[in-house]
Amino acid sequence: LLGLCLIVQIITGLFLAMHYVSDISSAFSSVAHICRDVNYGWLIRNFHANGASLFFICIYLHIARGLYYGSYLYMETWNIGVILLLLTMM
């Protein structure tokens, strides 16, 4: 599930990056352009925005499952997971 969320985030992010302008004076208008003028741009943007929330929900469920099954006893694996969580939050 996490892999699927990540793939959706990457694909929609690449599509949005093709149309987004990061200049301070035209950033809002480029988002409005994506939502109004690009075919299904509003849908891609909503998938990207809600996909980020779903990605973190899946991460927290994954951590909860690890706590439930005692995966924290395997310190190397658990520490790598914590590092990946912190990198994801950056």
N, C-alpha and C. Protein backbone atom coordinates (compact mmCIF):
# COMPACT_ATOMS: atom_id res chain seq x y z
N LEU A 1 0.83 -1.20 0.00
CA LEU A 1 0.00 0.00 0.00
C LEU A 1 0.87 1.26 0.00
N LEU A 2 1.95 1.21 0.78
CA LEU A 2 2.86 2.36 0.79
C LEU A 2 3.52 2.57 -0.57
N GLY A 3 3.87 1.47 -1.20
CA GLY A 3 4.49 1.58 -2.53
C GLY A 3 3.55 2.18 -3.54
N LEU A 4 2.28 1.79 -3.49
CA LEU A 4 1.28 2.34 -4.40
C LEU A 4 1.09 3.84 -4.16
N CYS A 5 1.01 4.23 -2.89
CA CYS A 5 0.88 5.66 -2.57
C CYS A 5 2.09 6.44 -3.07
N LEU A 6 3.28 5.88 -2.90
CA LEU A 6 4.49 6.56 -3.34
C LEU A 6 4.54 6.69 -4.86
N ILE A 7 4.14 5.65 -5.57
CA ILE A 7 4.12 5.70 -7.03
C ILE A 7 3.13 6.75 -7.52
N VAL A 8 1.95 6.81 -6.90
CA VAL A 8 0.95 7.82 -7.28
C VAL A 8 1.49 9.22 -7.01
N GLN A 9 2.18 9.41 -5.88
CA GLN A 9 2.74 10.71 -5.56
C GLN A 9 3.81 11.12 -6.58
N ILE A 10 4.64 10.19 -6.97
CA ILE A 10 5.70 10.51 -7.93
C ILE A 10 5.11 10.85 -9.30
N ILE A 11 4.16 10.04 -9.76
CA ILE A 11 3.57 10.28 -11.08
C ILE A 11 2.81 11.60 -11.11
N THR A 12 1.96 11.84 -10.11
CA THR A 12 1.20 13.10 -10.11
C THR A 12 2.13 14.29 -9.88
N GLY A 13 3.17 14.12 -9.07
CA GLY A 13 4.13 15.20 -8.85
C GLY A 13 4.88 15.57 -10.11
N LEU A 14 5.27 14.57 -10.89
CA LEU A 14 5.94 14.86 -12.16
C LEU A 14 5.01 15.57 -13.13
N PHE A 15 3.76 15.14 -13.18
CA PHE A 15 2.81 15.80 -14.06
C PHE A 15 2.58 17.25 -13.64
N LEU A 16 2.42 17.48 -12.34
CA LEU A 16 2.21 18.85 -11.86
C LEU A 16 3.45 19.71 -12.07
N ALA A 17 4.63 19.12 -11.95
CA ALA A 17 5.87 19.88 -12.13
C ALA A 17 6.03 20.36 -13.57
N MET A 18 5.42 19.67 -14.51
CA MET A 18 5.51 20.11 -15.91
C MET A 18 4.75 21.41 -16.14
N HIS A 19 3.76 21.70 -15.31
CA HIS A 19 2.91 22.88 -15.52
C HIS A 19 3.09 23.95 -14.44
N TYR A 20 3.80 23.64 -13.36
CA TYR A 20 3.92 24.57 -12.24
C TYR A 20 5.07 25.53 -12.47
N VAL A 21 4.84 26.80 -12.12
CA VAL A 21 5.87 27.84 -12.18
C VAL A 21 6.11 28.31 -10.75
N SER A 22 7.35 28.26 -10.28
CA SER A 22 7.64 28.55 -8.88
C SER A 22 7.99 30.01 -8.62
N ASP A 23 7.85 30.87 -9.60
CA ASP A 23 8.11 32.30 -9.41
C ASP A 23 7.09 32.87 -8.44
N ILE A 24 7.54 33.74 -7.54
CA ILE A 24 6.67 34.24 -6.47
C ILE A 24 5.48 35.03 -7.02
N SER A 25 5.64 35.64 -8.16
CA SER A 25 4.55 36.45 -8.70
C SER A 25 3.56 35.63 -9.53
N SER A 26 3.95 34.43 -9.95
CA SER A 26 3.05 33.66 -10.80
C SER A 26 2.74 32.26 -10.29
N ALA A 27 3.10 31.95 -9.05
CA ALA A 27 2.86 30.60 -8.52
C ALA A 27 1.36 30.32 -8.39
N PHE A 28 0.63 31.27 -7.83
CA PHE A 28 -0.81 31.05 -7.66
C PHE A 28 -1.51 30.93 -9.01
N SER A 29 -1.12 31.76 -9.95
CA SER A 29 -1.76 31.70 -11.26
C SER A 29 -1.42 30.40 -11.99
N SER A 30 -0.25 29.82 -11.73
CA SER A 30 0.07 28.54 -12.36
C SER A 30 -0.76 27.41 -11.75
N VAL A 31 -1.05 27.48 -10.45
CA VAL A 31 -1.93 26.48 -9.83
C VAL A 31 -3.34 26.65 -10.36
N ALA A 32 -3.78 27.88 -10.50
CA ALA A 32 -5.11 28.12 -11.08
C ALA A 32 -5.16 27.63 -12.52
N HIS A 33 -4.07 27.81 -13.26
CA HIS A 33 -4.00 27.31 -14.64
C HIS A 33 -4.11 25.79 -14.66
N ILE A 34 -3.43 25.12 -13.74
CA ILE A 34 -3.50 23.66 -13.67
C ILE A 34 -4.93 23.21 -13.39
N CYS A 35 -5.59 23.88 -12.46
CA CYS A 35 -6.95 23.47 -12.08
C CYS A 35 -7.98 23.80 -13.15
N ARG A 36 -7.79 24.88 -13.88
CA ARG A 36 -8.82 25.32 -14.83
C ARG A 36 -8.57 24.92 -16.27
N ASP A 37 -7.33 25.01 -16.73
CA ASP A 37 -7.05 24.88 -18.15
C ASP A 37 -6.48 23.52 -18.56
N VAL A 38 -5.77 22.86 -17.67
CA VAL A 38 -5.17 21.56 -18.00
C VAL A 38 -6.25 20.49 -17.88
N ASN A 39 -6.31 19.60 -18.87
CA ASN A 39 -7.30 18.53 -18.84
C ASN A 39 -7.09 17.66 -17.59
N TYR A 40 -8.12 17.56 -16.79
CA TYR A 40 -8.12 16.81 -15.53
C TYR A 40 -7.02 17.26 -14.58
N GLY A 41 -6.58 18.49 -14.68
CA GLY A 41 -5.56 19.02 -13.79
C GLY A 41 -6.05 19.12 -12.37
N TRP A 42 -7.32 19.48 -12.20
CA TRP A 42 -7.90 19.56 -10.86
C TRP A 42 -7.90 18.18 -10.20
N LEU A 43 -8.12 17.14 -10.97
CA LEU A 43 -8.14 15.78 -10.43
C LEU A 43 -6.74 15.33 -10.04
N ILE A 44 -5.77 15.62 -10.90
CA ILE A 44 -4.38 15.27 -10.61
C ILE A 44 -3.90 16.00 -9.36
N ARG A 45 -4.25 17.27 -9.24
CA ARG A 45 -3.84 18.06 -8.07
C ARG A 45 -4.47 17.51 -6.79
N ASN A 46 -5.75 17.14 -6.86
CA ASN A 46 -6.41 16.58 -5.68
C ASN A 46 -5.84 15.21 -5.32
N PHE A 47 -5.53 14.39 -6.33
CA PHE A 47 -4.87 13.11 -6.05
C PHE A 47 -3.54 13.32 -5.35
N HIS A 48 -2.79 14.32 -5.81
CA HIS A 48 -1.48 14.59 -5.23
C HIS A 48 -1.61 15.11 -3.79
N ALA A 49 -2.55 16.01 -3.56
CA ALA A 49 -2.72 16.58 -2.22
C ALA A 49 -3.24 15.54 -1.23
N ASN A 50 -4.25 14.80 -1.62
CA ASN A 50 -4.82 13.80 -0.72
C ASN A 50 -3.93 12.57 -0.63
N GLY A 51 -3.16 12.30 -1.67
CA GLY A 51 -2.24 11.17 -1.64
C GLY A 51 -1.15 11.34 -0.60
N ALA A 52 -0.74 12.58 -0.36
CA ALA A 52 0.27 12.83 0.67
C ALA A 52 -0.28 12.48 2.05
N SER A 53 -1.52 12.84 2.31
CA SER A 53 -2.13 12.49 3.59
C SER A 53 -2.30 10.99 3.72
N LEU A 54 -2.73 10.35 2.65
CA LEU A 54 -2.90 8.90 2.67
C LEU A 54 -1.56 8.20 2.87
N PHE A 55 -0.51 8.74 2.28
CA PHE A 55 0.83 8.17 2.45
C PHE A 55 1.23 8.17 3.92
N PHE A 56 1.01 9.28 4.62
CA PHE A 56 1.38 9.34 6.03
C PHE A 56 0.47 8.47 6.89
N ILE A 57 -0.79 8.35 6.54
CA ILE A 57 -1.67 7.44 7.27
C ILE A 57 -1.16 6.01 7.13
N CYS A 58 -0.75 5.63 5.93
CA CYS A 58 -0.21 4.29 5.71
C CYS A 58 1.09 4.09 6.48
N ILE A 59 1.91 5.12 6.56
CA ILE A 59 3.16 5.01 7.33
C ILE A 59 2.84 4.78 8.80
N TYR A 60 1.89 5.53 9.35
CA TYR A 60 1.55 5.38 10.76
C TYR A 60 0.92 4.01 11.03
N LEU A 61 0.13 3.50 10.10
CA LEU A 61 -0.42 2.15 10.26
C LEU A 61 0.70 1.11 10.21
N HIS A 62 1.68 1.33 9.37
CA HIS A 62 2.82 0.42 9.27
C HIS A 62 3.61 0.41 10.59
N ILE A 63 3.80 1.58 11.18
CA ILE A 63 4.50 1.68 12.46
C ILE A 63 3.68 0.99 13.55
N ALA A 64 2.37 1.21 13.55
CA ALA A 64 1.51 0.57 14.55
C ALA A 64 1.56 -0.94 14.43
N ARG A 65 1.59 -1.44 13.21
CA ARG A 65 1.70 -2.89 13.01
C ARG A 65 3.03 -3.41 13.54
N GLY A 66 4.09 -2.64 13.30
CA GLY A 66 5.40 -3.04 13.82
C GLY A 66 5.45 -3.05 15.33
N LEU A 67 4.79 -2.10 15.96
CA LEU A 67 4.72 -2.09 17.43
C LEU A 67 3.90 -3.26 17.94
N TYR A 68 2.82 -3.57 17.28
CA TYR A 68 1.94 -4.66 17.71
C TYR A 68 2.65 -6.01 17.63
N TYR A 69 3.39 -6.24 16.55
CA TYR A 69 4.06 -7.52 16.36
C TYR A 69 5.46 -7.58 16.98
N GLY A 70 5.89 -6.52 17.63
CA GLY A 70 7.18 -6.51 18.32
C GLY A 70 8.37 -6.40 17.39
N SER A 71 8.19 -5.76 16.27
CA SER A 71 9.30 -5.61 15.32
C SER A 71 10.40 -4.68 15.85
N TYR A 72 10.09 -3.92 16.89
CA TYR A 72 11.09 -3.02 17.46
C TYR A 72 12.21 -3.79 18.14
N LEU A 73 12.02 -5.09 18.35
CA LEU A 73 13.08 -5.90 18.95
C LEU A 73 14.25 -6.11 18.00
N TYR A 74 14.00 -6.01 16.70
CA TYR A 74 15.06 -6.08 15.70
C TYR A 74 15.58 -4.66 15.48
N MET A 75 16.57 -4.28 16.28
CA MET A 75 16.98 -2.88 16.38
C MET A 75 17.48 -2.30 15.06
N GLU A 76 18.21 -3.07 14.28
CA GLU A 76 18.76 -2.52 13.03
C GLU A 76 17.64 -2.15 12.07
N THR A 77 16.71 -3.06 11.91
CA THR A 77 15.59 -2.81 11.01
C THR A 77 14.72 -1.67 11.52
N TRP A 78 14.47 -1.66 12.82
CA TRP A 78 13.63 -0.62 13.41
C TRP A 78 14.28 0.75 13.27
N ASN A 79 15.60 0.82 13.49
CA ASN A 79 16.31 2.10 13.37
C ASN A 79 16.28 2.62 11.94
N ILE A 80 16.42 1.73 10.97
CA ILE A 80 16.33 2.15 9.57
C ILE A 80 14.94 2.70 9.27
N GLY A 81 13.92 2.05 9.83
CA GLY A 81 12.55 2.53 9.65
C GLY A 81 12.34 3.91 10.26
N VAL A 82 12.90 4.13 11.43
CA VAL A 82 12.78 5.44 12.08
C VAL A 82 13.50 6.51 11.27
N ILE A 83 14.67 6.17 10.74
CA ILE A 83 15.41 7.12 9.90
C ILE A 83 14.61 7.46 8.64
N LEU A 84 14.01 6.44 8.02
CA LEU A 84 13.18 6.69 6.83
C LEU A 84 11.96 7.54 7.16
N LEU A 85 11.37 7.32 8.34
CA LEU A 85 10.23 8.15 8.76
C LEU A 85 10.66 9.60 8.91
N LEU A 86 11.79 9.83 9.55
CA LEU A 86 12.27 11.20 9.74
C LEU A 86 12.62 11.86 8.40
N LEU A 87 13.21 11.10 7.48
CA LEU A 87 13.51 11.65 6.16
C LEU A 87 12.23 11.97 5.39
N THR A 88 11.20 11.16 5.57
CA THR A 88 9.93 11.41 4.91
C THR A 88 9.27 12.67 5.44
N MET A 89 9.46 12.95 6.71
CA MET A 89 8.84 14.13 7.32
C MET A 89 9.56 15.43 6.95
N MET A 90 10.77 15.33 6.43
CA MET A 90 11.52 16.55 6.08
C MET A 90 10.94 17.23 4.89
